[in-house]
Every structure is written in C-alpha cells, then in structure tokens.
Amino acid sequence: MPENRDFRMTASRREILSLLEACSSHPTAEEVCTMVRERLPKVSLATVYRNLDLLAREGLIRTISVAGEQRRYDGMVEEHHHIRCEVCGRVEDVELSCRDPLEALLADSKGYEVRGCTLCFVGVCGECAGDGAESDE
C-alpha cells in the first residue's frame, strides 16, 4: 500500500488497479476507461486519467512511455522490460537477465548509481508478420 497517508483507495482506483493487475495487454487510458465502464458505467475518462497518474505516483502501477505513442499502463510494478510491435502497437513483457552488466557499464563509464532500468524493444509481432505487414524503411 502507498506511504502517502492522504491516499484513499476509492472504488474507481480499486477497479483500475484490479484491472491492470489482471491484464497483460498494457492498455492505454482510453482502453482502461472502456474496461472500467463495464463495472462502473458512470466513470469519466478524466477520472481514469487522474487515477492512473495517482496510482503511478504511488508506485502501484507503471507507466510505459514510448516516444510518439500513447502512454500505456502496467499492473506489474516489478522491474521488467517490454517489446512493442511497430505495426499494431501491441506491447508485451520481456524477460531478460542482462541487467547487471548494463548497469555496471553505466556506473563505470558515467559514474551513475543505477537505480532501475526499463528497456522497450521495437519489432513486428507474429500476427502482423504473418499478415505480410512490413514497416516502410
């Protein structure tokens, strides 16, 4: 639970958090709103955005930001990486065990104390590759 004593777990926050913890699709705010409205029909998109920002600030969810793309949200707060399909935009989790060598390299070459790492790979998912879709290069 968050350390912020002013934080209250409202019905909409609880629903958003529950949905993201059970969801592996890394939805956008609009997608979260659509899913939340199945249980809480009167919730507004503005409420969803405010609650997503608050839940992220409290460390209960993660925000995935990729340049040029809509922000996506993740209920898995443990450090992990992602891959995004450049055709359909799908984002999936990636398990990697290369963290320590990368952090040591940064610490040695730049003098940083590394406190975390998030990588987002870009490619074409199996479904889009099977459709013959290719990026324009």
C-alpha atoms as a PDB file:
ATOM      1  CA  MET A   1       0.000   0.000   0.000  1.00  0.00           C
ATOM      2  CA  PRO A   2       1.242   3.526  -0.663  1.00  0.00           C
ATOM      3  CA  GLU A   3       3.071   5.514   2.015  1.00  0.00           C
ATOM      4  CA  ASN A   4       1.026   8.667   1.301  1.00  0.00           C
ATOM      5  CA  ARG A   5      -1.335   8.943   4.269  1.00  0.00           C
ATOM      6  CA  ASP A   6      -3.753  11.089   2.231  1.00  0.00           C
ATOM      7  CA  PHE A   7      -4.189   8.335  -0.348  1.00  0.00           C
ATOM      8  CA  ARG A   8      -7.613   6.684  -0.345  1.00  0.00           C
ATOM      9  CA  MET A   9      -8.446   3.584  -2.341  1.00  0.00           C
ATOM     10  CA  THR A  10     -11.701   4.676  -3.978  1.00  0.00           C
ATOM     11  CA  ALA A  11     -13.944   2.322  -5.959  1.00  0.00           C
ATOM     12  CA  SER A  12     -12.641   3.622  -9.292  1.00  0.00           C
ATOM     13  CA  ARG A  13      -8.990   3.354  -8.179  1.00  0.00           C
ATOM     14  CA  ARG A  14      -9.578  -0.168  -6.880  1.00  0.00           C
ATOM     15  CA  GLU A  15     -11.216  -1.169 -10.172  1.00  0.00           C
ATOM     16  CA  ILE A  16      -8.419   0.349 -12.283  1.00  0.00           C
ATOM     17  CA  LEU A  17      -5.737  -1.313 -10.168  1.00  0.00           C
ATOM     18  CA  SER A  18      -7.500  -4.677 -10.209  1.00  0.00           C
ATOM     19  CA  LEU A  19      -7.983  -4.492 -13.955  1.00  0.00           C
ATOM     20  CA  LEU A  20      -4.320  -3.638 -14.623  1.00  0.00           C
ATOM     21  CA  GLU A  21      -3.037  -6.349 -12.286  1.00  0.00           C
ATOM     22  CA  ALA A  22      -5.111  -8.931 -14.177  1.00  0.00           C
ATOM     23  CA  CYS A  23      -4.363  -7.561 -17.647  1.00  0.00           C
ATOM     24  CA  SER A  24      -1.279  -8.339 -19.732  1.00  0.00           C
ATOM     25  CA  SER A  25      -2.126  -6.124 -22.709  1.00  0.00           C
ATOM     26  CA  HIS A  26      -0.667  -2.849 -21.315  1.00  0.00           C
ATOM     27  CA  PRO A  27      -3.749  -0.758 -22.198  1.00  0.00           C
ATOM     28  CA  THR A  28      -3.958   2.957 -22.963  1.00  0.00           C
ATOM     29  CA  ALA A  29      -6.031   5.230 -20.707  1.00  0.00           C
ATOM     30  CA  GLU A  30      -8.913   5.060 -23.187  1.00  0.00           C
ATOM     31  CA  GLU A  31      -8.794   1.257 -23.150  1.00  0.00           C
ATOM     32  CA  VAL A  32      -8.691   1.252 -19.345  1.00  0.00           C
ATOM     33  CA  CYS A  33     -11.726   3.545 -19.307  1.00  0.00           C
ATOM     34  CA  THR A  34     -13.670   1.227 -21.621  1.00  0.00           C
ATOM     35  CA  MET A  35     -12.874  -1.773 -19.423  1.00  0.00           C
ATOM     36  CA  VAL A  36     -13.653   0.055 -16.157  1.00  0.00           C
ATOM     37  CA  ARG A  37     -17.009   1.219 -17.534  1.00  0.00           C
ATOM     38  CA  GLU A  38     -18.127  -2.418 -17.727  1.00  0.00           C
ATOM     39  CA  ARG A  39     -18.182  -2.383 -13.891  1.00  0.00           C
ATOM     40  CA  LEU A  40     -18.557   1.356 -13.202  1.00  0.00           C
ATOM     41  CA  PRO A  41     -20.601   2.765 -16.118  1.00  0.00           C
ATOM     42  CA  LYS A  42     -20.519   6.394 -14.958  1.00  0.00           C
ATOM     43  CA  VAL A  43     -16.741   6.749 -14.653  1.00  0.00           C
ATOM     44  CA  SER A  44     -15.338   9.521 -16.864  1.00  0.00           C
ATOM     45  CA  LEU A  45     -12.179   9.453 -18.956  1.00  0.00           C
ATOM     46  CA  ALA A  46     -10.847  12.391 -16.902  1.00  0.00           C
ATOM     47  CA  THR A  47     -11.318  10.357 -13.700  1.00  0.00           C
ATOM     48  CA  VAL A  48      -9.458   7.436 -15.248  1.00  0.00           C
ATOM     49  CA  TYR A  49      -6.554   9.689 -16.305  1.00  0.00           C
ATOM     50  CA  ARG A  50      -6.334  11.282 -12.824  1.00  0.00           C
ATOM     51  CA  ASN A  51      -6.431   7.888 -11.117  1.00  0.00           C
ATOM     52  CA  LEU A  52      -3.856   6.355 -13.457  1.00  0.00           C
ATOM     53  CA  ASP A  53      -1.485   9.264 -12.712  1.00  0.00           C
ATOM     54  CA  LEU A  54      -2.079   8.924  -8.969  1.00  0.00           C
ATOM     55  CA  LEU A  55      -1.654   5.132  -8.954  1.00  0.00           C
ATOM     56  CA  ALA A  56       1.603   5.531 -10.899  1.00  0.00           C
ATOM     57  CA  ARG A  57       2.896   8.229  -8.496  1.00  0.00           C
ATOM     58  CA  GLU A  58       2.061   5.946  -5.570  1.00  0.00           C
ATOM     59  CA  GLY A  59       4.040   3.117  -7.190  1.00  0.00           C
ATOM     60  CA  LEU A  60       1.049   0.806  -7.598  1.00  0.00           C
ATOM     61  CA  ILE A  61       1.215   0.696 -11.416  1.00  0.00           C
ATOM     62  CA  ARG A  62       3.832   1.503 -14.054  1.00  0.00           C
ATOM     63  CA  THR A  63       3.589   3.909 -16.939  1.00  0.00           C
ATOM     64  CA  ILE A  64       5.076   2.843 -20.258  1.00  0.00           C
ATOM     65  CA  SER A  65       6.075   5.810 -22.381  1.00  0.00           C
ATOM     66  CA  VAL A  66       7.427   5.310 -25.886  1.00  0.00           C
ATOM     67  CA  ALA A  67       8.173   8.377 -27.998  1.00  0.00           C
ATOM     68  CA  GLY A  68       5.398   9.097 -30.485  1.00  0.00           C
ATOM     69  CA  GLU A  69       2.995   6.608 -28.884  1.00  0.00           C
ATOM     70  CA  GLN A  70       0.150   6.864 -26.392  1.00  0.00           C
ATOM     71  CA  ARG A  71       1.109   6.162 -22.803  1.00  0.00           C
ATOM     72  CA  ARG A  72       0.305   2.621 -21.681  1.00  0.00           C
ATOM     73  CA  TYR A  73      -0.155   1.229 -18.199  1.00  0.00           C
ATOM     74  CA  ASP A  74       1.137  -1.906 -16.498  1.00  0.00           C
ATOM     75  CA  GLY A  75      -0.042  -3.548 -13.289  1.00  0.00           C
ATOM     76  CA  MET A  76       3.257  -5.384 -12.818  1.00  0.00           C
ATOM     77  CA  VAL A  77       5.422  -2.982 -10.815  1.00  0.00           C
ATOM     78  CA  GLU A  78       8.456  -5.244 -10.577  1.00  0.00           C
ATOM     79  CA  GLU A  79      11.234  -4.145 -12.903  1.00  0.00           C
ATOM     80  CA  HIS A  80      10.865  -5.755 -16.316  1.00  0.00           C
ATOM     81  CA  HIS A  81      11.174  -4.866 -19.996  1.00  0.00           C
ATOM     82  CA  HIS A  82       8.824  -4.642 -22.991  1.00  0.00           C
ATOM     83  CA  ILE A  83       8.634  -5.136 -26.721  1.00  0.00           C
ATOM     84  CA  ARG A  84       6.282  -3.094 -28.925  1.00  0.00           C
ATOM     85  CA  CYS A  85       5.000  -4.099 -32.350  1.00  0.00           C
ATOM     86  CA  GLU A  86       5.605  -1.191 -34.718  1.00  0.00           C
ATOM     87  CA  VAL A  87       2.658  -2.278 -36.881  1.00  0.00           C
ATOM     88  CA  CYS A  88      -0.233  -2.846 -34.428  1.00  0.00           C
ATOM     89  CA  GLY A  89       1.215  -1.157 -31.310  1.00  0.00           C
ATOM     90  CA  ARG A  90       0.838  -4.210 -29.045  1.00  0.00           C
ATOM     91  CA  VAL A  91       3.149  -4.114 -26.010  1.00  0.00           C
ATOM     92  CA  GLU A  92       4.278  -7.303 -24.295  1.00  0.00           C
ATOM     93  CA  ASP A  93       6.527  -8.134 -21.341  1.00  0.00           C
ATOM     94  CA  VAL A  94      10.053  -9.412 -21.997  1.00  0.00           C
ATOM     95  CA  GLU A  95      12.143 -11.367 -19.509  1.00  0.00           C
ATOM     96  CA  LEU A  96      15.847 -10.501 -19.686  1.00  0.00           C
ATOM     97  CA  SER A  97      18.740 -11.350 -17.425  1.00  0.00           C
ATOM     98  CA  CYS A  98      21.246  -8.816 -18.799  1.00  0.00           C
ATOM     99  CA  ARG A  99      20.539  -6.091 -16.226  1.00  0.00           C
ATOM    100  CA  ASP A 100      23.687  -6.332 -14.080  1.00  0.00           C
ATOM    101  CA  PRO A 101      26.267  -5.991 -16.914  1.00  0.00           C
ATOM    102  CA  LEU A 102      24.395  -2.991 -18.371  1.00  0.00           C
ATOM    103  CA  GLU A 103      24.160  -1.262 -15.000  1.00  0.00           C
ATOM    104  CA  ALA A 104      27.848  -1.920 -14.271  1.00  0.00           C
ATOM    105  CA  LEU A 105      28.777  -0.437 -17.663  1.00  0.00           C
ATOM    106  CA  LEU A 106      26.820   2.754 -16.935  1.00  0.00           C
ATOM    107  CA  ALA A 107      28.172   3.007 -13.416  1.00  0.00           C
ATOM    108  CA  ASP A 108      31.747   2.624 -14.660  1.00  0.00           C
ATOM    109  CA  SER A 109      31.558   4.851 -17.743  1.00  0.00           C
ATOM    110  CA  LYS A 110      29.253   7.629 -16.500  1.00  0.00           C
ATOM    111  CA  GLY A 111      29.623   7.446 -12.729  1.00  0.00           C
ATOM    112  CA  TYR A 112      25.908   6.883 -12.128  1.00  0.00           C
ATOM    113  CA  GLU A 113      24.383   4.941  -9.281  1.00  0.00           C
ATOM    114  CA  VAL A 114      21.830   2.991 -11.322  1.00  0.00           C
ATOM    115  CA  ARG A 115      18.507   2.590  -9.515  1.00  0.00           C
ATOM    116  CA  GLY A 116      16.484   0.942 -12.231  1.00  0.00           C
ATOM    117  CA  CYS A 117      16.263   0.102 -15.881  1.00  0.00           C
ATOM    118  CA  THR A 118      13.437  -0.151 -18.391  1.00  0.00           C
ATOM    119  CA  LEU A 119      14.028  -1.160 -21.985  1.00  0.00           C
ATOM    120  CA  CYS A 120      11.450  -1.171 -24.757  1.00  0.00           C
ATOM    121  CA  PHE A 121      12.355  -3.128 -27.843  1.00  0.00           C
ATOM    122  CA  VAL A 122      10.590  -2.484 -31.148  1.00  0.00           C
ATOM    123  CA  GLY A 123       9.751  -5.137 -33.730  1.00  0.00           C
ATOM    124  CA  VAL A 124       6.900  -6.791 -35.588  1.00  0.00           C
ATOM    125  CA  CYS A 125       4.727  -9.277 -33.693  1.00  0.00           C
ATOM    126  CA  GLY A 126       3.992 -12.741 -35.042  1.00  0.00           C
ATOM    127  CA  GLU A 127       0.432 -11.844 -36.052  1.00  0.00           C
ATOM    128  CA  CYS A 128       1.482  -8.768 -38.022  1.00  0.00           C
ATOM    129  CA  ALA A 129       4.445 -10.562 -39.590  1.00  0.00           C
ATOM    130  CA  GLY A 130       2.072 -13.361 -40.620  1.00  0.00           C
ATOM    131  CA  ASP A 131      -0.164 -10.800 -42.382  1.00  0.00           C
ATOM    132  CA  GLY A 132       2.752  -9.799 -44.583  1.00  0.00           C
ATOM    133  CA  ALA A 133       2.792  -6.352 -42.964  1.00  0.00           C
ATOM    134  CA  GLU A 134       6.202  -4.704 -43.042  1.00  0.00           C
ATOM    135  CA  SER A 135       7.432  -1.357 -41.894  1.00  0.00           C
ATOM    136  CA  ASP A 136       8.428   1.199 -44.532  1.00  0.00           C
ATOM    137  CA  GLU A 137      12.209   1.513 -44.416  1.00  0.00           C
END
